[in-house]
N, C-alpha and C. Protein backbone atom coordinates (compact mmCIF):
# COMPACT_ATOMS: atom_id res chain seq x y z
N UNK A 1 -130.42 -180.84 18.99
CA UNK A 1 -130.31 -179.07 19.24
C UNK A 1 -128.82 -179.31 18.53
N UNK A 2 -128.33 -178.38 17.77
CA UNK A 2 -126.93 -178.13 17.48
C UNK A 2 -126.10 -177.18 18.34
N UNK A 3 -125.46 -177.60 18.49
CA UNK A 3 -124.40 -176.88 18.66
C UNK A 3 -123.95 -174.98 18.65
N UNK A 4 -124.04 -174.44 19.31
CA UNK A 4 -123.80 -172.78 19.04
C UNK A 4 -122.32 -172.49 18.88
N UNK A 5 -121.71 -171.65 17.33
CA UNK A 5 -120.29 -171.63 18.12
C UNK A 5 -120.38 -170.40 18.91
N UNK A 6 -121.41 -169.45 19.00
CA UNK A 6 -120.58 -167.81 19.88
C UNK A 6 -121.66 -168.17 20.67
N UNK A 7 -122.14 -168.25 22.23
CA UNK A 7 -123.54 -168.34 23.21
C UNK A 7 -123.07 -167.37 23.69
N UNK A 8 -124.03 -166.30 23.72
CA UNK A 8 -123.72 -164.67 23.86
C UNK A 8 -125.39 -164.68 24.75
N UNK A 9 -125.21 -165.31 26.06
CA UNK A 9 -127.10 -164.93 27.20
C UNK A 9 -126.33 -163.82 28.20
N UNK A 10 -127.24 -162.44 27.75
CA UNK A 10 -127.54 -161.40 28.69
C UNK A 10 -128.39 -161.40 29.63
N UNK A 11 -127.24 -160.71 30.45
CA UNK A 11 -128.89 -160.33 32.08
C UNK A 11 -128.94 -159.33 31.40
N UNK A 12 -130.95 -158.58 31.05
CA UNK A 12 -131.04 -157.13 29.99
C UNK A 12 -131.37 -156.98 31.47
N UNK A 13 -132.30 -157.49 32.35
CA UNK A 13 -132.36 -156.30 33.49
C UNK A 13 -131.07 -155.77 34.12
N UNK A 14 -130.62 -156.20 34.18
CA UNK A 14 -129.15 -155.98 34.37
C UNK A 14 -128.57 -154.24 34.81
N UNK A 15 -128.95 -153.35 33.80
CA UNK A 15 -128.69 -151.71 33.20
C UNK A 15 -130.07 -150.61 33.78
N UNK A 16 -130.76 -152.07 33.49
CA UNK A 16 -132.31 -151.02 34.26
C UNK A 16 -131.95 -150.80 35.43
N UNK A 17 -132.02 -152.15 35.81
CA UNK A 17 -131.68 -152.06 37.67
C UNK A 17 -130.18 -151.54 38.77
N UNK A 18 -129.41 -151.27 38.25
CA UNK A 18 -128.13 -151.71 39.00
C UNK A 18 -127.43 -150.09 38.14
N UNK A 19 -127.29 -149.38 38.77
CA UNK A 19 -125.85 -148.63 37.87
C UNK A 19 -124.55 -149.28 38.41
N UNK A 20 -123.55 -149.21 37.13
CA UNK A 20 -122.63 -150.38 37.07
C UNK A 20 -121.84 -149.41 36.90
N UNK A 21 -120.68 -149.69 38.35
CA UNK A 21 -119.21 -149.29 38.23
C UNK A 21 -117.89 -149.05 38.00
N UNK A 22 -117.73 -150.60 37.52
CA UNK A 22 -116.99 -151.57 37.13
C UNK A 22 -117.54 -153.21 36.63
N UNK A 23 -116.34 -153.38 35.95
CA UNK A 23 -116.38 -154.85 34.97
C UNK A 23 -115.51 -155.60 34.92
N UNK A 24 -115.42 -156.88 35.06
CA UNK A 24 -114.89 -158.10 35.03
C UNK A 24 -115.56 -159.20 34.34
N UNK A 25 -114.56 -159.70 33.63
CA UNK A 25 -114.31 -161.27 33.08
C UNK A 25 -114.19 -162.24 33.74
N UNK A 26 -115.12 -163.39 34.64
CA UNK A 26 -114.30 -164.35 35.04
C UNK A 26 -114.41 -165.63 34.97
N UNK A 27 -113.84 -166.69 34.80
CA UNK A 27 -114.57 -168.25 34.53
C UNK A 27 -115.35 -168.76 35.51
N UNK A 28 -115.82 -169.83 34.95
CA UNK A 28 -116.93 -170.27 35.44
C UNK A 28 -116.13 -171.43 35.51
N UNK A 29 -116.15 -172.69 37.08
CA UNK A 29 -116.42 -173.92 37.48
C UNK A 29 -116.88 -174.76 36.71
N UNK A 30 -117.42 -175.62 35.86
CA UNK A 30 -118.50 -176.22 35.70
C UNK A 30 -118.27 -178.05 35.03
N UNK A 31 -119.38 -178.67 35.21
CA UNK A 31 -119.29 -179.71 35.20
C UNK A 31 -119.46 -179.52 33.38
N UNK A 32 -118.42 -181.60 32.83
CA UNK A 32 -119.44 -181.90 31.27
C UNK A 32 -120.72 -181.21 31.27
N UNK A 33 -121.37 -180.97 31.29
CA UNK A 33 -122.78 -181.21 31.05
C UNK A 33 -123.91 -179.97 30.99
N UNK A 34 -122.91 -179.20 32.26
CA UNK A 34 -123.27 -177.57 32.08
C UNK A 34 -122.45 -177.56 31.16
N UNK A 35 -121.59 -177.12 30.49
CA UNK A 35 -120.42 -175.85 29.52
C UNK A 35 -121.34 -177.25 27.76
N UNK A 36 -121.89 -178.56 28.19
CA UNK A 36 -122.07 -178.65 26.94
C UNK A 36 -123.81 -177.56 26.88
N UNK A 37 -124.66 -177.68 27.95
CA UNK A 37 -126.00 -177.46 27.85
C UNK A 37 -125.93 -175.36 27.33
N UNK A 38 -124.98 -174.90 28.03
CA UNK A 38 -124.64 -173.70 28.26
C UNK A 38 -124.54 -173.62 26.19
N UNK A 39 -123.39 -174.09 25.62
CA UNK A 39 -122.69 -174.26 24.14
C UNK A 39 -124.33 -174.55 23.25
N UNK A 40 -125.03 -174.74 23.87
CA UNK A 40 -126.73 -175.41 23.11
C UNK A 40 -127.87 -173.60 23.32
N UNK A 41 -127.30 -172.97 24.18
CA UNK A 41 -127.33 -172.17 24.72
C UNK A 41 -128.75 -172.10 26.27
N UNK A 42 -129.23 -172.88 26.04
CA UNK A 42 -130.25 -173.64 27.58
C UNK A 42 -129.55 -172.97 28.62
N UNK A 43 -129.27 -171.64 29.10
CA UNK A 43 -128.52 -170.77 29.87
C UNK A 43 -128.84 -169.65 30.38
N UNK A 44 -129.54 -169.02 31.64
CA UNK A 44 -129.98 -168.40 32.15
C UNK A 44 -129.35 -167.59 33.13
N UNK A 45 -129.32 -165.82 32.99
CA UNK A 45 -129.27 -165.13 34.54
C UNK A 45 -129.57 -164.08 34.98
N UNK A 46 -130.56 -164.15 34.68
CA UNK A 46 -132.34 -162.81 34.40
C UNK A 46 -132.07 -162.48 36.57
N UNK A 47 -131.92 -163.48 37.28
CA UNK A 47 -132.04 -163.84 37.91
C UNK A 47 -131.18 -163.88 39.29
N UNK A 48 -129.74 -163.80 38.85
CA UNK A 48 -128.44 -164.13 39.51
C UNK A 48 -127.92 -163.20 39.49
N UNK A 49 -127.30 -162.94 41.28
CA UNK A 49 -126.56 -162.23 41.34
C UNK A 49 -124.70 -163.13 42.30
N UNK A 50 -123.71 -162.28 42.37
CA UNK A 50 -122.83 -163.81 42.64
C UNK A 50 -122.30 -163.09 44.60
N UNK A 51 -122.06 -163.97 45.21
CA UNK A 51 -121.48 -163.76 46.85
C UNK A 51 -120.27 -164.90 46.95
N UNK A 52 -119.61 -163.40 48.36
CA UNK A 52 -118.59 -164.55 48.49
C UNK A 52 -118.84 -165.51 49.93
N UNK A 53 -117.97 -166.87 50.06
CA UNK A 53 -118.01 -168.02 50.63
C UNK A 53 -116.64 -168.59 50.72
N UNK A 54 -116.26 -167.52 51.83
CA UNK A 54 -115.02 -168.31 52.33
C UNK A 54 -113.81 -167.73 51.46
N UNK A 55 -113.75 -166.80 51.11
CA UNK A 55 -113.00 -166.13 50.06
C UNK A 55 -112.58 -166.68 48.97
N UNK A 56 -113.89 -167.44 48.36
CA UNK A 56 -113.84 -167.65 47.00
C UNK A 56 -114.92 -166.66 46.45
N UNK A 57 -115.87 -166.43 44.71
CA UNK A 57 -116.93 -165.82 44.48
C UNK A 57 -117.13 -167.35 43.99
N UNK A 58 -118.75 -167.13 43.97
CA UNK A 58 -119.81 -168.20 43.83
C UNK A 58 -121.04 -167.06 42.53
N UNK A 59 -121.15 -167.52 41.82
CA UNK A 59 -122.54 -167.23 41.36
C UNK A 59 -123.50 -168.61 41.87
N UNK A 60 -124.78 -167.47 42.11
CA UNK A 60 -125.95 -167.60 42.64
C UNK A 60 -127.11 -168.11 42.20
N UNK A 61 -127.78 -168.70 41.82
CA UNK A 61 -129.20 -168.49 40.46
C UNK A 61 -129.33 -168.84 39.34
N UNK A 62 -127.69 -168.84 38.98
CA UNK A 62 -128.03 -169.01 38.14
C UNK A 62 -128.24 -170.06 36.93
N UNK A 63 -129.01 -170.14 36.24
CA UNK A 63 -129.99 -172.07 35.86
C UNK A 63 -129.77 -171.90 34.36
N UNK A 64 -128.67 -173.01 34.84
CA UNK A 64 -128.31 -174.16 33.53
C UNK A 64 -129.02 -176.11 33.24
N UNK A 65 -130.20 -175.68 32.07
CA UNK A 65 -131.03 -176.70 32.32
C UNK A 65 -130.25 -177.60 31.60
N UNK A 66 -130.51 -178.70 31.70
CA UNK A 66 -130.43 -180.18 31.57
C UNK A 66 -129.64 -179.93 30.47
N UNK A 67 -129.03 -181.68 30.57
CA UNK A 67 -128.72 -181.38 29.07
C UNK A 67 -129.29 -181.84 28.41
N UNK A 68 -129.95 -182.61 26.65
CA UNK A 68 -130.55 -183.72 27.03
C UNK A 68 -130.76 -185.15 26.40
N UNK A 69 -128.92 -185.54 25.28
CA UNK A 69 -128.22 -186.23 25.57
C UNK A 69 -127.80 -186.55 26.81
N UNK A 70 -128.14 -186.25 27.76
CA UNK A 70 -126.61 -186.62 29.10
C UNK A 70 -127.51 -187.90 29.74
N UNK A 71 -126.97 -188.99 30.78
CA UNK A 71 -127.24 -190.30 30.90
C UNK A 71 -128.54 -189.73 32.76
N UNK A 72 -128.06 -190.43 33.50
CA UNK A 72 -128.21 -190.12 34.99
C UNK A 72 -127.85 -189.46 35.57
N UNK A 73 -126.01 -189.10 34.96
CA UNK A 73 -125.30 -188.21 35.54
C UNK A 73 -125.47 -186.57 35.02
N UNK A 74 -126.83 -186.40 35.41
CA UNK A 74 -126.48 -184.98 34.80
C UNK A 74 -126.37 -184.07 36.56
N UNK A 75 -126.51 -182.93 35.53
CA UNK A 75 -125.92 -181.94 37.04
C UNK A 75 -127.36 -181.17 37.21
N UNK A 76 -127.31 -180.60 38.79
CA UNK A 76 -127.93 -180.31 39.32
C UNK A 76 -128.65 -178.30 38.32
N UNK A 77 -129.33 -177.80 37.84
CA UNK A 77 -129.83 -177.13 37.77
C UNK A 77 -129.09 -175.57 38.23
N UNK A 78 -129.91 -175.63 39.30
CA UNK A 78 -129.46 -174.23 40.02
C UNK A 78 -128.26 -174.16 41.37
N UNK A 79 -127.34 -174.52 40.90
CA UNK A 79 -126.27 -174.98 41.53
C UNK A 79 -124.91 -174.50 41.25
N UNK A 80 -124.64 -173.69 42.79
CA UNK A 80 -123.81 -172.63 42.75
C UNK A 80 -123.02 -172.99 42.05
N UNK A 81 -121.76 -171.93 41.22
CA UNK A 81 -121.08 -171.93 41.02
C UNK A 81 -119.98 -171.01 41.25
N UNK A 82 -118.67 -171.99 41.20
CA UNK A 82 -117.78 -170.90 41.97
C UNK A 82 -116.78 -170.21 40.83
N UNK A 83 -116.50 -168.61 40.59
CA UNK A 83 -116.36 -167.86 39.77
C UNK A 83 -114.08 -168.27 39.47
N UNK A 84 -113.50 -167.72 38.81
CA UNK A 84 -112.74 -167.89 38.79
C UNK A 84 -111.63 -166.47 38.09
N UNK A 85 -111.44 -165.75 39.25
CA UNK A 85 -110.55 -164.11 39.07
C UNK A 85 -109.05 -164.30 39.59
N UNK A 86 -108.90 -163.38 39.55
CA UNK A 86 -107.27 -163.44 40.10
C UNK A 86 -107.23 -162.86 41.23
N UNK A 87 -106.52 -163.17 42.62
CA UNK A 87 -106.35 -162.82 44.01
C UNK A 87 -106.60 -161.30 44.30
N UNK A 88 -106.10 -160.69 43.81
CA UNK A 88 -106.27 -159.10 44.10
C UNK A 88 -107.34 -158.61 43.50
N UNK A 89 -107.96 -158.91 41.99
CA UNK A 89 -109.36 -158.63 42.07
C UNK A 89 -111.28 -159.26 42.99
N UNK A 90 -110.12 -160.19 43.30
CA UNK A 90 -110.95 -160.62 44.61
C UNK A 90 -110.86 -160.10 45.77
N UNK A 91 -109.68 -159.98 45.82
CA UNK A 91 -109.59 -159.58 47.16
C UNK A 91 -110.62 -157.35 47.02
N UNK A 92 -109.98 -157.40 46.31
CA UNK A 92 -110.79 -156.10 46.14
C UNK A 92 -112.45 -155.88 45.41
N UNK A 93 -112.50 -156.37 44.75
CA UNK A 93 -113.42 -156.50 44.90
C UNK A 93 -114.63 -157.38 46.49
N UNK A 94 -114.21 -158.40 47.36
CA UNK A 94 -115.18 -157.99 48.27
C UNK A 94 -114.41 -156.68 49.65
N UNK A 95 -113.83 -156.31 49.30
CA UNK A 95 -113.67 -155.40 50.32
C UNK A 95 -114.48 -153.53 50.49
N UNK A 96 -114.78 -153.95 48.62
CA UNK A 96 -116.40 -153.16 47.78
C UNK A 96 -117.24 -153.37 48.02
N UNK A 97 -117.58 -154.50 47.32
CA UNK A 97 -118.82 -155.24 48.59
C UNK A 97 -119.20 -155.13 50.36
N UNK A 98 -118.13 -155.98 50.48
CA UNK A 98 -118.30 -155.23 52.66
C UNK A 98 -118.11 -153.61 52.93
N UNK A 99 -117.20 -153.12 52.48
CA UNK A 99 -117.04 -152.01 52.76
C UNK A 99 -118.63 -151.46 52.22
N UNK A 100 -119.14 -150.86 51.31
CA UNK A 100 -119.81 -150.24 50.65
C UNK A 100 -120.57 -150.46 50.75
N UNK A 101 -121.26 -151.95 50.35
CA UNK A 101 -122.59 -152.42 50.63
C UNK A 101 -122.86 -152.03 48.55
N UNK A 102 -122.29 -152.73 47.99
CA UNK A 102 -122.21 -152.85 46.54
C UNK A 102 -122.97 -154.55 46.27
N UNK A 103 -122.52 -154.20 44.98
CA UNK A 103 -123.92 -155.75 44.59
C UNK A 103 -122.69 -156.53 43.79
N UNK A 104 -122.50 -157.85 43.29
CA UNK A 104 -122.13 -158.09 41.52
C UNK A 104 -123.06 -158.77 41.18
N UNK A 105 -123.75 -158.99 40.21
CA UNK A 105 -124.23 -158.48 39.24
C UNK A 105 -123.92 -159.32 38.20
N UNK A 106 -123.84 -160.80 37.39
CA UNK A 106 -123.40 -160.76 36.18
C UNK A 106 -124.81 -160.42 34.61
N UNK A 107 -123.27 -159.86 33.66
CA UNK A 107 -124.38 -158.58 33.20
C UNK A 107 -124.75 -159.77 31.52
N UNK A 108 -123.45 -161.32 31.40
CA UNK A 108 -122.81 -161.74 30.08
C UNK A 108 -122.70 -163.32 29.78
N UNK A 109 -123.43 -163.80 30.13
CA UNK A 109 -122.52 -164.77 29.89
C UNK A 109 -121.95 -165.70 28.69
N UNK A 110 -121.04 -165.99 28.28
CA UNK A 110 -120.00 -165.61 26.88
C UNK A 110 -119.23 -167.16 26.67
N UNK A 111 -119.88 -167.77 25.05
CA UNK A 111 -117.70 -168.86 24.88
C UNK A 111 -116.97 -167.48 24.48
N UNK A 112 -115.68 -168.09 24.62
CA UNK A 112 -114.23 -167.78 23.72
C UNK A 112 -114.54 -168.29 22.82
N UNK A 113 -112.96 -167.54 22.34
CA UNK A 113 -112.49 -168.14 20.80
C UNK A 113 -112.32 -169.93 20.91
N UNK A 114 -111.54 -170.17 22.47
CA UNK A 114 -111.58 -171.72 23.21
C UNK A 114 -112.70 -173.00 23.49
N UNK A 115 -113.75 -171.68 23.36
CA UNK A 115 -114.89 -172.45 23.54
C UNK A 115 -114.86 -172.51 25.31
N UNK A 116 -114.40 -171.47 26.00
CA UNK A 116 -114.09 -171.64 27.57
C UNK A 116 -115.51 -171.33 28.00
N UNK A 117 -116.20 -171.09 28.72
CA UNK A 117 -117.28 -170.53 29.32
C UNK A 117 -117.02 -169.28 30.46
N UNK A 118 -117.97 -168.41 29.92
CA UNK A 118 -116.63 -166.49 31.17
C UNK A 118 -118.82 -166.09 31.22
N UNK A 119 -118.40 -165.19 32.07
CA UNK A 119 -119.03 -164.24 32.75
C UNK A 119 -118.72 -163.47 33.09
N UNK A 120 -118.41 -162.37 32.14
CA UNK A 120 -118.97 -161.03 32.57
C UNK A 120 -119.68 -160.49 33.58
N UNK A 121 -119.43 -160.04 34.38
CA UNK A 121 -119.78 -159.57 36.04
C UNK A 121 -118.74 -157.55 36.41
N UNK A 122 -120.15 -157.51 37.02
CA UNK A 122 -120.18 -156.27 37.12
C UNK A 122 -120.04 -156.13 38.48
N UNK A 123 -119.95 -154.76 39.05
CA UNK A 123 -119.18 -154.05 40.09
C UNK A 123 -121.11 -153.45 40.35
N UNK A 124 -121.72 -153.16 41.17
CA UNK A 124 -123.02 -152.69 40.65
C UNK A 124 -123.30 -151.95 41.83
N UNK A 125 -124.74 -150.94 41.27
CA UNK A 125 -125.24 -149.66 43.04
C UNK A 125 -126.56 -149.55 43.07
N UNK A 126 -127.58 -150.23 43.18
CA UNK A 126 -128.79 -150.33 42.75
C UNK A 126 -129.20 -148.64 42.59
N UNK A 127 -130.24 -148.95 41.63
CA UNK A 127 -130.95 -147.55 41.45
C UNK A 127 -132.11 -147.48 42.22
N UNK A 128 -132.51 -146.43 42.57
CA UNK A 128 -133.89 -145.86 43.27
C UNK A 128 -134.98 -145.43 41.84
N UNK A 129 -135.72 -145.47 42.55
CA UNK A 129 -137.17 -145.89 41.34
C UNK A 129 -137.53 -144.59 40.52
N UNK A 130 -136.65 -143.41 41.26
CA UNK A 130 -136.93 -141.82 40.54
C UNK A 130 -135.55 -142.07 39.11
N UNK A 131 -134.66 -142.92 39.14
CA UNK A 131 -133.71 -142.65 38.43
C UNK A 131 -134.48 -143.55 37.19
N UNK A 132 -134.85 -145.21 37.30
CA UNK A 132 -135.79 -145.71 36.78
C UNK A 132 -136.82 -145.25 35.74
N UNK A 133 -137.18 -144.02 36.48
CA UNK A 133 -138.40 -143.28 35.64
C UNK A 133 -137.88 -142.43 34.67
N UNK A 134 -136.55 -142.50 35.28
CA UNK A 134 -136.01 -141.24 34.16
C UNK A 134 -135.89 -141.76 33.19
N UNK A 135 -135.56 -143.00 33.09
CA UNK A 135 -134.30 -143.76 32.21
C UNK A 135 -135.53 -144.49 31.20
N UNK A 136 -136.89 -144.56 31.88
CA UNK A 136 -137.85 -144.76 30.78
C UNK A 136 -137.93 -143.53 30.19
N UNK A 137 -138.29 -142.12 30.57
CA UNK A 137 -138.58 -140.95 29.88
C UNK A 137 -137.89 -140.97 28.54
N UNK A 138 -137.08 -141.29 29.07
CA UNK A 138 -135.61 -140.61 27.28
C UNK A 138 -135.56 -141.80 26.74
N UNK A 139 -135.94 -142.93 27.29
CA UNK A 139 -136.42 -143.59 25.96
C UNK A 139 -137.42 -144.02 25.75
N UNK A 140 -138.58 -144.00 25.57
CA UNK A 140 -139.77 -143.14 25.40
C UNK A 140 -139.65 -141.66 24.07
N UNK A 141 -138.59 -140.48 24.75
CA UNK A 141 -138.93 -139.69 23.86
C UNK A 141 -137.86 -140.08 22.94
N UNK A 142 -136.97 -141.27 23.35
CA UNK A 142 -136.10 -141.77 21.70
C UNK A 142 -136.56 -141.94 20.89
N UNK A 143 -137.35 -142.65 21.49
CA UNK A 143 -138.63 -143.63 20.88
C UNK A 143 -139.79 -142.40 19.98
N UNK A 144 -139.92 -141.92 20.47
CA UNK A 144 -141.13 -140.75 19.24
C UNK A 144 -140.29 -140.36 18.59
N UNK A 145 -139.02 -139.64 18.74
CA UNK A 145 -138.21 -138.87 18.03
C UNK A 145 -137.89 -139.55 16.85
N UNK A 146 -137.36 -140.69 16.51
CA UNK A 146 -137.30 -141.84 15.53
C UNK A 146 -139.05 -142.01 15.17
N UNK A 147 -139.64 -141.67 15.47
CA UNK A 147 -140.60 -142.38 14.89
C UNK A 147 -141.32 -140.84 13.94
N UNK A 148 -140.82 -139.87 14.71
CA UNK A 148 -141.62 -138.66 13.72
C UNK A 148 -140.45 -137.90 13.03
N UNK A 149 -139.24 -138.12 12.84
CA UNK A 149 -138.12 -138.25 11.59
C UNK A 149 -139.03 -139.48 10.93
N UNK A 150 -138.77 -140.37 10.53
CA UNK A 150 -139.12 -141.85 9.74
C UNK A 150 -141.30 -140.46 9.19
N UNK A 151 -141.39 -140.37 9.52
CA UNK A 151 -142.96 -140.10 8.78
C UNK A 151 -142.73 -138.64 8.50
N UNK A 152 -141.27 -138.08 9.34
CA UNK A 152 -141.05 -136.94 8.02
C UNK A 152 -140.75 -136.67 6.77
N UNK A 153 -139.74 -137.74 7.17
CA UNK A 153 -139.30 -137.84 6.01
C UNK A 153 -139.56 -139.33 4.44
N UNK A 154 -140.65 -139.54 4.75
CA UNK A 154 -141.15 -140.04 4.11
C UNK A 154 -142.72 -139.62 3.31
């Protein structure tokens, strides 16, 4: 499989499940086979979240499939990966998570122009069930309105 120039892997459920309060861009500490697998597009952040361990931020449950051309020195697909942020950002995030009970969720995994893998993370608050139903209603009414406009124009 050929390597992609720009990798753009999204967490599509995050905006539906959570209310996003603040966003950050973080670097990721990866092994050699992990970055190669990400450049092939074989990664998923659908069920992942971020957690503090010893004043450092780690992404948990991020799946990076094994690299196809690697030897026996391949990586573990579900291992914890350290995120790289400024110290002031880490302190602010840790304070918010501990005091107000917010969650840190990855929104997008991408590669920048230099080829480095970055993770777009967000400080989030979980939505209630009625908020989710309201979002579904808005989406369906917008879809119906566009159908009516299309039928009217033809």
